[in-house]
Amino acid sequence: MFRLQLRNELRKLFGKKRTYIGFGAFFVAQLLMCVFLRFSKAQGDLATLLAGNGYIAENYISALTIAVYMLIPQIALLMPLYTTLVGGDMVAKEAEEGTLRMMLSRPVSRLRLMFLKWLTGVLFSFALVLALGGIAVGIARLWFPWKGLFVFIPEFVFSVLDADTGLILYAWSQLFLATNAVVGFSLAFMFSCFNMKPAAATILALSVLFLNAVMDLIPFFERYREYFLPHHLRSWLYVFEQPTPWGRLGESQCILLGVSLTVFIIGAAAFQMRDIKS
């Protein structure tokens, strides 16, 4: 029964047109970014940076390198928007439409129902990230050769890798990015469990994420950065370090998973006390 109920939730989610907004937006954004990187002076700047560090630029201006650089702004700006959009709709929209009353008339507990919906959102988050990573590499491969990977993020990572190692680490990074997506979805899901409109749940979740980002950027709070979400949301970039600090990555991933489970429990508890009839 659990499998059938989960399948039903997945059908409902992926049967809505707004679920695919993020997939379409990522495709368009990556296509535009790739064309810009291919025909602008940005490629020359990247070549200058590589040459200045003693590397042959032609060996590292590749599909993998461009894919990583296309992911960074989309992960920071677009992904929270589309994950919270789905999370905000997950419960609040059905409560608004009245379908939750019919579902709760069946012999299923509220906790089980909330867990099924949250698990559906987690699977959506993984699907969104896998699509994002796959589309990035696919589009970049149309314009750039398949060679080594170069990643340079000031104060975070400077790494030059061969194509095989770069592809393995790129795949690992998608797993860590999926955890980031789950955090954004879970925050919106928690607010959606309260008695509020879907748009309000989405806006509140985005506000929490943006407030954390603002606090993280204030220089005077540098000593407290590990208490803010962006510090751990950026941890996926460390996968490209050589050697990869797996311990540091694991710590941040555990914290992010803990945040996701905590907000889910808060949301489920709030929904348990709600009067759906009103």
C-alpha atoms as a PDB file:
ATOM      1  CA  MET A   1       0.000   0.000   0.000  1.00  0.00           C
ATOM      2  CA  PHE A   2       2.845   2.380   0.756  1.00  0.00           C
ATOM      3  CA  ARG A   3       4.278   1.867  -2.732  1.00  0.00           C
ATOM      4  CA  LEU A   4       0.875   2.442  -4.346  1.00  0.00           C
ATOM      5  CA  GLN A   5       0.269   5.593  -2.317  1.00  0.00           C
ATOM      6  CA  LEU A   6       3.738   6.908  -3.203  1.00  0.00           C
ATOM      7  CA  ARG A   7       3.085   6.192  -6.879  1.00  0.00           C
ATOM      8  CA  ASN A   8      -0.183   8.095  -6.637  1.00  0.00           C
ATOM      9  CA  GLU A   9       1.556  11.115  -5.087  1.00  0.00           C
ATOM     10  CA  LEU A  10       4.219  11.050  -7.803  1.00  0.00           C
ATOM     11  CA  ARG A  11       1.550  10.934 -10.493  1.00  0.00           C
ATOM     12  CA  LYS A  12      -0.229  13.910  -8.968  1.00  0.00           C
ATOM     13  CA  LEU A  13       2.988  15.925  -8.706  1.00  0.00           C
ATOM     14  CA  PHE A  14       4.323  15.186 -12.171  1.00  0.00           C
ATOM     15  CA  GLY A  15       0.867  15.543 -13.662  1.00  0.00           C
ATOM     16  CA  LYS A  16       0.894  19.274 -12.901  1.00  0.00           C
ATOM     17  CA  LYS A  17       2.329  21.622 -15.498  1.00  0.00           C
ATOM     18  CA  ARG A  18       3.949  23.912 -12.927  1.00  0.00           C
ATOM     19  CA  THR A  19       6.157  21.002 -11.793  1.00  0.00           C
ATOM     20  CA  TYR A  20       8.068  21.303 -15.057  1.00  0.00           C
ATOM     21  CA  ILE A  21       8.700  25.052 -14.843  1.00  0.00           C
ATOM     22  CA  GLY A  22      12.080  24.475 -13.222  1.00  0.00           C
ATOM     23  CA  PHE A  23      13.186  21.936 -15.843  1.00  0.00           C
ATOM     24  CA  GLY A  24      12.290  24.319 -18.662  1.00  0.00           C
ATOM     25  CA  ALA A  25      13.872  27.323 -16.985  1.00  0.00           C
ATOM     26  CA  PHE A  26      17.119  25.441 -16.385  1.00  0.00           C
ATOM     27  CA  PHE A  27      17.287  24.359 -20.030  1.00  0.00           C
ATOM     28  CA  VAL A  28      16.761  27.893 -21.343  1.00  0.00           C
ATOM     29  CA  ALA A  29      19.182  29.437 -18.830  1.00  0.00           C
ATOM     30  CA  GLN A  30      21.917  26.920 -19.590  1.00  0.00           C
ATOM     31  CA  LEU A  31      21.498  27.292 -23.339  1.00  0.00           C
ATOM     32  CA  LEU A  32      21.828  31.087 -23.107  1.00  0.00           C
ATOM     33  CA  MET A  33      24.793  30.882 -20.731  1.00  0.00           C
ATOM     34  CA  CYS A  34      26.586  28.349 -22.931  1.00  0.00           C
ATOM     35  CA  VAL A  35      26.143  30.468 -26.061  1.00  0.00           C
ATOM     36  CA  PHE A  36      27.406  33.521 -24.181  1.00  0.00           C
ATOM     37  CA  LEU A  37      30.458  31.658 -22.870  1.00  0.00           C
ATOM     38  CA  ARG A  38      31.206  30.305 -26.343  1.00  0.00           C
ATOM     39  CA  PHE A  39      31.065  33.581 -28.258  1.00  0.00           C
ATOM     40  CA  SER A  40      32.045  36.213 -25.655  1.00  0.00           C
ATOM     41  CA  LYS A  41      35.376  37.261 -24.187  1.00  0.00           C
ATOM     42  CA  ALA A  42      34.665  35.174 -21.073  1.00  0.00           C
ATOM     43  CA  GLN A  43      36.381  32.189 -22.701  1.00  0.00           C
ATOM     44  CA  GLY A  44      39.477  34.313 -23.238  1.00  0.00           C
ATOM     45  CA  ASP A  45      39.496  35.362 -19.586  1.00  0.00           C
ATOM     46  CA  LEU A  46      39.346  31.714 -18.565  1.00  0.00           C
ATOM     47  CA  ALA A  47      42.244  30.915 -20.913  1.00  0.00           C
ATOM     48  CA  THR A  48      44.282  33.767 -19.421  1.00  0.00           C
ATOM     49  CA  LEU A  49      43.659  32.460 -15.903  1.00  0.00           C
ATOM     50  CA  LEU A  50      44.790  28.972 -16.892  1.00  0.00           C
ATOM     51  CA  ALA A  51      47.853  30.217 -18.731  1.00  0.00           C
ATOM     52  CA  GLY A  52      48.826  32.416 -15.810  1.00  0.00           C
ATOM     53  CA  ASN A  53      48.952  29.320 -13.605  1.00  0.00           C
ATOM     54  CA  GLY A  54      51.047  27.320 -16.061  1.00  0.00           C
ATOM     55  CA  TYR A  55      48.338  25.222 -17.747  1.00  0.00           C
ATOM     56  CA  ILE A  56      47.516  24.807 -21.428  1.00  0.00           C
ATOM     57  CA  ALA A  57      44.107  26.437 -21.802  1.00  0.00           C
ATOM     58  CA  GLU A  58      42.999  24.229 -24.708  1.00  0.00           C
ATOM     59  CA  ASN A  59      43.196  21.145 -22.486  1.00  0.00           C
ATOM     60  CA  TYR A  60      40.787  22.464 -19.837  1.00  0.00           C
ATOM     61  CA  ILE A  61      38.253  24.738 -21.552  1.00  0.00           C
ATOM     62  CA  SER A  62      35.919  21.793 -21.916  1.00  0.00           C
ATOM     63  CA  ALA A  63      32.319  20.661 -21.566  1.00  0.00           C
ATOM     64  CA  LEU A  64      32.877  19.668 -17.918  1.00  0.00           C
ATOM     65  CA  THR A  65      34.467  23.008 -17.017  1.00  0.00           C
ATOM     66  CA  ILE A  66      31.695  25.009 -18.664  1.00  0.00           C
ATOM     67  CA  ALA A  67      29.023  22.784 -17.070  1.00  0.00           C
ATOM     68  CA  VAL A  68      30.360  23.472 -13.560  1.00  0.00           C
ATOM     69  CA  TYR A  69      30.527  27.216 -14.172  1.00  0.00           C
ATOM     70  CA  MET A  70      26.956  27.182 -15.492  1.00  0.00           C
ATOM     71  CA  LEU A  71      25.728  25.289 -12.426  1.00  0.00           C
ATOM     72  CA  ILE A  72      27.086  27.699  -9.807  1.00  0.00           C
ATOM     73  CA  PRO A  73      24.725  30.699 -10.363  1.00  0.00           C
ATOM     74  CA  GLN A  74      21.716  28.483 -11.060  1.00  0.00           C
ATOM     75  CA  ILE A  75      22.206  26.519  -7.857  1.00  0.00           C
ATOM     76  CA  ALA A  76      22.433  29.755  -5.855  1.00  0.00           C
ATOM     77  CA  LEU A  77      19.519  31.625  -7.448  1.00  0.00           C
ATOM     78  CA  LEU A  78      17.178  29.449  -9.522  1.00  0.00           C
ATOM     79  CA  MET A  79      17.099  26.113  -7.725  1.00  0.00           C
ATOM     80  CA  PRO A  80      15.761  27.512  -4.395  1.00  0.00           C
ATOM     81  CA  LEU A  81      12.957  29.217  -6.325  1.00  0.00           C
ATOM     82  CA  TYR A  82      11.680  26.078  -8.055  1.00  0.00           C
ATOM     83  CA  THR A  83      12.095  23.709  -5.121  1.00  0.00           C
ATOM     84  CA  THR A  84      10.239  26.046  -2.760  1.00  0.00           C
ATOM     85  CA  LEU A  85       7.549  26.571  -5.400  1.00  0.00           C
ATOM     86  CA  VAL A  86       6.787  22.847  -5.383  1.00  0.00           C
ATOM     87  CA  GLY A  87       7.163  22.546  -1.609  1.00  0.00           C
ATOM     88  CA  GLY A  88       4.801  25.445  -0.965  1.00  0.00           C
ATOM     89  CA  ASP A  89       2.123  23.823  -3.121  1.00  0.00           C
ATOM     90  CA  MET A  90       2.519  20.308  -1.762  1.00  0.00           C
ATOM     91  CA  VAL A  91       0.060  20.577   1.162  1.00  0.00           C
ATOM     92  CA  ALA A  92      -1.359  24.108   1.091  1.00  0.00           C
ATOM     93  CA  LYS A  93      -2.678  23.780  -2.459  1.00  0.00           C
ATOM     94  CA  GLU A  94      -4.590  20.588  -1.703  1.00  0.00           C
ATOM     95  CA  ALA A  95      -5.952  22.093   1.499  1.00  0.00           C
ATOM     96  CA  GLU A  96      -7.079  25.121  -0.505  1.00  0.00           C
ATOM     97  CA  GLU A  97      -8.780  22.935  -3.115  1.00  0.00           C
ATOM     98  CA  GLY A  98     -10.407  20.707  -0.489  1.00  0.00           C
ATOM     99  CA  THR A  99      -8.859  17.427  -1.666  1.00  0.00           C
ATOM    100  CA  LEU A 100      -7.144  16.875   1.701  1.00  0.00           C
ATOM    101  CA  ARG A 101     -10.526  16.324   3.354  1.00  0.00           C
ATOM    102  CA  MET A 102     -11.275  13.454   0.991  1.00  0.00           C
ATOM    103  CA  MET A 103      -7.827  11.941   1.507  1.00  0.00           C
ATOM    104  CA  LEU A 104      -8.105  12.098   5.297  1.00  0.00           C
ATOM    105  CA  SER A 105     -11.512  10.394   5.183  1.00  0.00           C
ATOM    106  CA  ARG A 106      -9.638   7.232   4.233  1.00  0.00           C
ATOM    107  CA  PRO A 107      -7.962   4.994   6.868  1.00  0.00           C
ATOM    108  CA  VAL A 108      -4.518   6.623   6.646  1.00  0.00           C
ATOM    109  CA  SER A 109      -2.806   8.592   9.398  1.00  0.00           C
ATOM    110  CA  ARG A 110      -1.857  12.234   8.932  1.00  0.00           C
ATOM    111  CA  LEU A 111       1.788  11.448   9.668  1.00  0.00           C
ATOM    112  CA  ARG A 112       1.885   8.798   6.961  1.00  0.00           C
ATOM    113  CA  LEU A 113       0.241  11.153   4.489  1.00  0.00           C
ATOM    114  CA  MET A 114       2.730  13.927   5.253  1.00  0.00           C
ATOM    115  CA  PHE A 115       5.666  11.543   4.976  1.00  0.00           C
ATOM    116  CA  LEU A 116       4.451  10.328   1.586  1.00  0.00           C
ATOM    117  CA  LYS A 117       4.142  13.891   0.327  1.00  0.00           C
ATOM    118  CA  TRP A 118       7.543  14.868   1.715  1.00  0.00           C
ATOM    119  CA  LEU A 119       9.179  11.773   0.186  1.00  0.00           C
ATOM    120  CA  THR A 120       7.564  12.644  -3.142  1.00  0.00           C
ATOM    121  CA  GLY A 121       9.123  16.097  -2.928  1.00  0.00           C
ATOM    122  CA  VAL A 122      12.515  14.598  -2.073  1.00  0.00           C
ATOM    123  CA  LEU A 123      12.347  12.426  -5.197  1.00  0.00           C
ATOM    124  CA  PHE A 124      11.360  15.495  -7.225  1.00  0.00           C
ATOM    125  CA  SER A 125      14.368  17.371  -5.819  1.00  0.00           C
ATOM    126  CA  PHE A 126      16.720  14.583  -6.892  1.00  0.00           C
ATOM    127  CA  ALA A 127      15.122  14.453 -10.345  1.00  0.00           C
ATOM    128  CA  LEU A 128      15.465  18.225 -10.744  1.00  0.00           C
ATOM    129  CA  VAL A 129      19.156  18.185  -9.812  1.00  0.00           C
ATOM    130  CA  LEU A 130      19.940  15.203 -12.041  1.00  0.00           C
ATOM    131  CA  ALA A 131      18.203  16.929 -14.930  1.00  0.00           C
ATOM    132  CA  LEU A 132      20.099  20.144 -14.172  1.00  0.00           C
ATOM    133  CA  GLY A 133      23.469  18.390 -14.159  1.00  0.00           C
ATOM    134  CA  GLY A 134      22.717  16.263 -17.207  1.00  0.00           C
ATOM    135  CA  ILE A 135      21.394  19.157 -19.281  1.00  0.00           C
ATOM    136  CA  ALA A 136      24.423  21.282 -18.344  1.00  0.00           C
ATOM    137  CA  VAL A 137      26.887  18.666 -19.596  1.00  0.00           C
ATOM    138  CA  GLY A 138      24.786  17.862 -22.667  1.00  0.00           C
ATOM    139  CA  ILE A 139      24.471  21.472 -23.809  1.00  0.00           C
ATOM    140  CA  ALA A 140      28.109  22.266 -23.030  1.00  0.00           C
ATOM    141  CA  ARG A 141      29.235  19.224 -25.051  1.00  0.00           C
ATOM    142  CA  LEU A 142      27.551  20.689 -28.148  1.00  0.00           C
ATOM    143  CA  TRP A 143      29.885  23.709 -28.063  1.00  0.00           C
ATOM    144  CA  PHE A 144      33.005  22.537 -26.222  1.00  0.00           C
ATOM    145  CA  PRO A 145      35.303  19.474 -26.454  1.00  0.00           C
ATOM    146  CA  TRP A 146      35.445  16.625 -23.939  1.00  0.00           C
ATOM    147  CA  LYS A 147      38.718  17.320 -22.111  1.00  0.00           C
ATOM    148  CA  GLY A 148      39.959  18.003 -18.574  1.00  0.00           C
ATOM    149  CA  LEU A 149      38.118  19.848 -15.804  1.00  0.00           C
ATOM    150  CA  PHE A 150      39.215  23.174 -14.347  1.00  0.00           C
ATOM    151  CA  VAL A 151      37.430  24.644 -11.324  1.00  0.00           C
ATOM    152  CA  PHE A 152      38.432  27.926  -9.710  1.00  0.00           C
ATOM    153  CA  ILE A 153      36.270  29.536  -7.051  1.00  0.00           C
ATOM    154  CA  PRO A 154      38.121  32.232  -5.048  1.00  0.00           C
ATOM    155  CA  GLU A 155      38.651  31.201  -1.405  1.00  0.00           C
ATOM    156  CA  PHE A 156      37.094  27.793  -2.081  1.00  0.00           C
ATOM    157  CA  VAL A 157      38.788  25.645  -4.679  1.00  0.00           C
ATOM    158  CA  PHE A 158      41.423  25.683  -7.400  1.00  0.00           C
ATOM    159  CA  SER A 159      41.585  22.331  -9.129  1.00  0.00           C
ATOM    160  CA  VAL A 160      42.778  20.922 -12.449  1.00  0.00           C
ATOM    161  CA  LEU A 161      41.667  17.361 -13.230  1.00  0.00           C
ATOM    162  CA  ASP A 162      41.707  14.928 -16.116  1.00  0.00           C
ATOM    163  CA  ALA A 163      38.410  14.155 -17.855  1.00  0.00           C
ATOM    164  CA  ASP A 164      37.776  10.777 -16.173  1.00  0.00           C
ATOM    165  CA  THR A 165      38.420  12.032 -12.626  1.00  0.00           C
ATOM    166  CA  GLY A 166      36.480  15.218 -13.363  1.00  0.00           C
ATOM    167  CA  LEU A 167      33.449  13.264 -14.543  1.00  0.00           C
ATOM    168  CA  ILE A 168      33.442  11.096 -11.383  1.00  0.00           C
ATOM    169  CA  LEU A 169      33.657  14.124  -9.103  1.00  0.00           C
ATOM    170  CA  TYR A 170      31.015  15.932 -11.166  1.00  0.00           C
ATOM    171  CA  ALA A 171      28.669  12.980 -10.572  1.00  0.00           C
ATOM    172  CA  TRP A 172      29.399  13.116  -6.833  1.00  0.00           C
ATOM    173  CA  SER A 173      28.638  16.833  -6.796  1.00  0.00           C
ATOM    174  CA  GLN A 174      25.138  16.141  -8.123  1.00  0.00           C
ATOM    175  CA  LEU A 175      24.419  13.979  -5.092  1.00  0.00           C
ATOM    176  CA  PHE A 176      25.434  16.803  -2.751  1.00  0.00           C
ATOM    177  CA  LEU A 177      23.451  19.333  -4.790  1.00  0.00           C
ATOM    178  CA  ALA A 178      20.376  17.136  -4.368  1.00  0.00           C
ATOM    179  CA  THR A 179      20.725  17.595  -0.594  1.00  0.00           C
ATOM    180  CA  ASN A 180      20.663  21.366  -1.155  1.00  0.00           C
ATOM    181  CA  ALA A 181      17.453  21.005  -3.160  1.00  0.00           C
ATOM    182  CA  VAL A 182      15.857  18.887  -0.428  1.00  0.00           C
ATOM    183  CA  VAL A 183      16.578  21.617   2.156  1.00  0.00           C
ATOM    184  CA  GLY A 184      14.768  24.266   0.087  1.00  0.00           C
ATOM    185  CA  PHE A 185      11.840  21.963  -0.601  1.00  0.00           C
ATOM    186  CA  SER A 186      11.563  20.891   3.049  1.00  0.00           C
ATOM    187  CA  LEU A 187      11.444  24.483   4.308  1.00  0.00           C
ATOM    188  CA  ALA A 188       8.575  25.308   1.957  1.00  0.00           C
ATOM    189  CA  PHE A 189       6.872  22.019   2.819  1.00  0.00           C
ATOM    190  CA  MET A 190       7.001  22.895   6.527  1.00  0.00           C
ATOM    191  CA  PHE A 191       5.292  26.245   5.966  1.00  0.00           C
ATOM    192  CA  SER A 192       2.809  24.560   3.632  1.00  0.00           C
ATOM    193  CA  CYS A 193       1.676  22.349   6.526  1.00  0.00           C
ATOM    194  CA  PHE A 194       0.489  25.430   8.409  1.00  0.00           C
ATOM    195  CA  ASN A 195      -2.789  27.138   7.614  1.00  0.00           C
ATOM    196  CA  MET A 196      -1.609  29.484   4.854  1.00  0.00           C
ATOM    197  CA  LYS A 197      -1.744  30.006   1.119  1.00  0.00           C
ATOM    198  CA  PRO A 198       0.760  28.210  -1.174  1.00  0.00           C
ATOM    199  CA  ALA A 199       2.330  31.513  -2.253  1.00  0.00           C
ATOM    200  CA  ALA A 200       2.864  32.523   1.380  1.00  0.00           C
ATOM    201  CA  ALA A 201       4.603  29.209   2.139  1.00  0.00           C
ATOM    202  CA  THR A 202       6.918  29.666  -0.851  1.00  0.00           C
ATOM    203  CA  ILE A 203       7.750  33.269   0.049  1.00  0.00           C
ATOM    204  CA  LEU A 204       8.463  32.413   3.681  1.00  0.00           C
ATOM    205  CA  ALA A 205      10.818  29.594   2.685  1.00  0.00           C
ATOM    206  CA  LEU A 206      12.667  31.853   0.253  1.00  0.00           C
ATOM    207  CA  SER A 207      12.855  34.524   2.947  1.00  0.00           C
ATOM    208  CA  VAL A 208      14.534  32.095   5.346  1.00  0.00           C
ATOM    209  CA  LEU A 209      17.089  31.100   2.689  1.00  0.00           C
ATOM    210  CA  PHE A 210      17.796  34.696   1.631  1.00  0.00           C
ATOM    211  CA  LEU A 211      18.061  35.888   5.240  1.00  0.00           C
ATOM    212  CA  ASN A 212      20.661  33.193   5.872  1.00  0.00           C
ATOM    213  CA  ALA A 213      22.523  34.342   2.750  1.00  0.00           C
ATOM    214  CA  VAL A 214      22.500  37.974   3.888  1.00  0.00           C
ATOM    215  CA  MET A 215      23.749  37.068   7.359  1.00  0.00           C
ATOM    216  CA  ASP A 216      26.464  34.915   5.810  1.00  0.00           C
ATOM    217  CA  LEU A 217      27.715  37.862   3.726  1.00  0.00           C
ATOM    218  CA  ILE A 218      28.118  40.257   6.660  1.00  0.00           C
ATOM    219  CA  PRO A 219      31.849  40.352   7.514  1.00  0.00           C
ATOM    220  CA  PHE A 220      31.228  40.812  11.237  1.00  0.00           C
ATOM    221  CA  PHE A 221      29.442  37.436  11.371  1.00  0.00           C
ATOM    222  CA  GLU A 222      32.300  35.495   9.786  1.00  0.00           C
ATOM    223  CA  ARG A 223      32.991  33.599  13.012  1.00  0.00           C
ATOM    224  CA  TYR A 224      29.372  32.378  13.024  1.00  0.00           C
ATOM    225  CA  ARG A 225      29.159  31.338   9.346  1.00  0.00           C
ATOM    226  CA  GLU A 226      29.000  27.648  10.071  1.00  0.00           C
ATOM    227  CA  TYR A 227      25.674  28.301  11.814  1.00  0.00           C
ATOM    228  CA  PHE A 228      24.175  29.666   8.579  1.00  0.00           C
ATOM    229  CA  LEU A 229      22.800  27.445   5.826  1.00  0.00           C
ATOM    230  CA  PRO A 230      24.873  28.894   2.918  1.00  0.00           C
ATOM    231  CA  HIS A 231      28.082  27.731   4.583  1.00  0.00           C
ATOM    232  CA  HIS A 232      26.882  24.129   4.246  1.00  0.00           C
ATOM    233  CA  LEU A 233      24.984  24.615   0.980  1.00  0.00           C
ATOM    234  CA  ARG A 234      28.287  25.595  -0.650  1.00  0.00           C
ATOM    235  CA  SER A 235      29.959  22.388   0.516  1.00  0.00           C
ATOM    236  CA  TRP A 236      29.331  20.678  -2.838  1.00  0.00           C
ATOM    237  CA  LEU A 237      32.150  22.785  -4.306  1.00  0.00           C
ATOM    238  CA  TYR A 238      34.690  21.069  -2.035  1.00  0.00           C
ATOM    239  CA  VAL A 239      34.184  17.805  -3.909  1.00  0.00           C
ATOM    240  CA  PHE A 240      36.513  19.214  -6.585  1.00  0.00           C
ATOM    241  CA  GLU A 241      39.374  19.844  -4.148  1.00  0.00           C
ATOM    242  CA  GLN A 242      42.399  17.571  -4.360  1.00  0.00           C
ATOM    243  CA  PRO A 243      42.400  15.636  -2.144  1.00  0.00           C
ATOM    244  CA  THR A 244      38.648  15.818  -1.595  1.00  0.00           C
ATOM    245  CA  PRO A 245      37.860  16.625   2.074  1.00  0.00           C
ATOM    246  CA  TRP A 246      35.237  13.898   2.474  1.00  0.00           C
ATOM    247  CA  GLY A 247      35.056  14.419   6.239  1.00  0.00           C
ATOM    248  CA  ARG A 248      34.183  18.091   5.845  1.00  0.00           C
ATOM    249  CA  LEU A 249      31.677  17.257   3.105  1.00  0.00           C
ATOM    250  CA  GLY A 250      30.074  14.546   5.230  1.00  0.00           C
ATOM    251  CA  GLU A 251      29.701  16.917   8.180  1.00  0.00           C
ATOM    252  CA  SER A 252      27.892  19.525   6.070  1.00  0.00           C
ATOM    253  CA  GLN A 253      25.688  16.903   4.431  1.00  0.00           C
ATOM    254  CA  CYS A 254      24.662  15.512   7.835  1.00  0.00           C
ATOM    255  CA  ILE A 255      23.749  19.025   8.998  1.00  0.00           C
ATOM    256  CA  LEU A 256      21.673  19.683   5.874  1.00  0.00           C
ATOM    257  CA  LEU A 257      19.880  16.349   6.204  1.00  0.00           C
ATOM    258  CA  GLY A 258      19.269  17.114   9.868  1.00  0.00           C
ATOM    259  CA  VAL A 259      17.740  20.478   8.959  1.00  0.00           C
ATOM    260  CA  SER A 260      15.485  18.798   6.372  1.00  0.00           C
ATOM    261  CA  LEU A 261      14.261  16.168   8.828  1.00  0.00           C
ATOM    262  CA  THR A 262      13.753  18.762  11.571  1.00  0.00           C
ATOM    263  CA  VAL A 263      11.582  21.047   9.473  1.00  0.00           C
ATOM    264  CA  PHE A 264       9.634  18.021   8.220  1.00  0.00           C
ATOM    265  CA  ILE A 265       8.884  16.982  11.816  1.00  0.00           C
ATOM    266  CA  ILE A 266       7.798  20.542  12.682  1.00  0.00           C
ATOM    267  CA  GLY A 267       5.520  20.657   9.643  1.00  0.00           C
ATOM    268  CA  ALA A 268       4.040  17.213  10.330  1.00  0.00           C
ATOM    269  CA  ALA A 269       3.366  18.185  13.955  1.00  0.00           C
ATOM    270  CA  ALA A 270       1.655  21.412  12.853  1.00  0.00           C
ATOM    271  CA  PHE A 271      -0.485  19.528  10.366  1.00  0.00           C
ATOM    272  CA  GLN A 272      -1.401  16.983  13.043  1.00  0.00           C
ATOM    273  CA  MET A 273      -3.021  19.784  15.060  1.00  0.00           C
ATOM    274  CA  ARG A 274      -4.766  21.492  12.142  1.00  0.00           C
ATOM    275  CA  ASP A 275      -8.531  21.488  11.764  1.00  0.00           C
ATOM    276  CA  ILE A 276      -8.965  20.651   8.065  1.00  0.00           C
ATOM    277  CA  LYS A 277     -12.738  21.103   8.270  1.00  0.00           C
ATOM    278  CA  SER A 278     -12.445  24.840   8.958  1.00  0.00           C
END
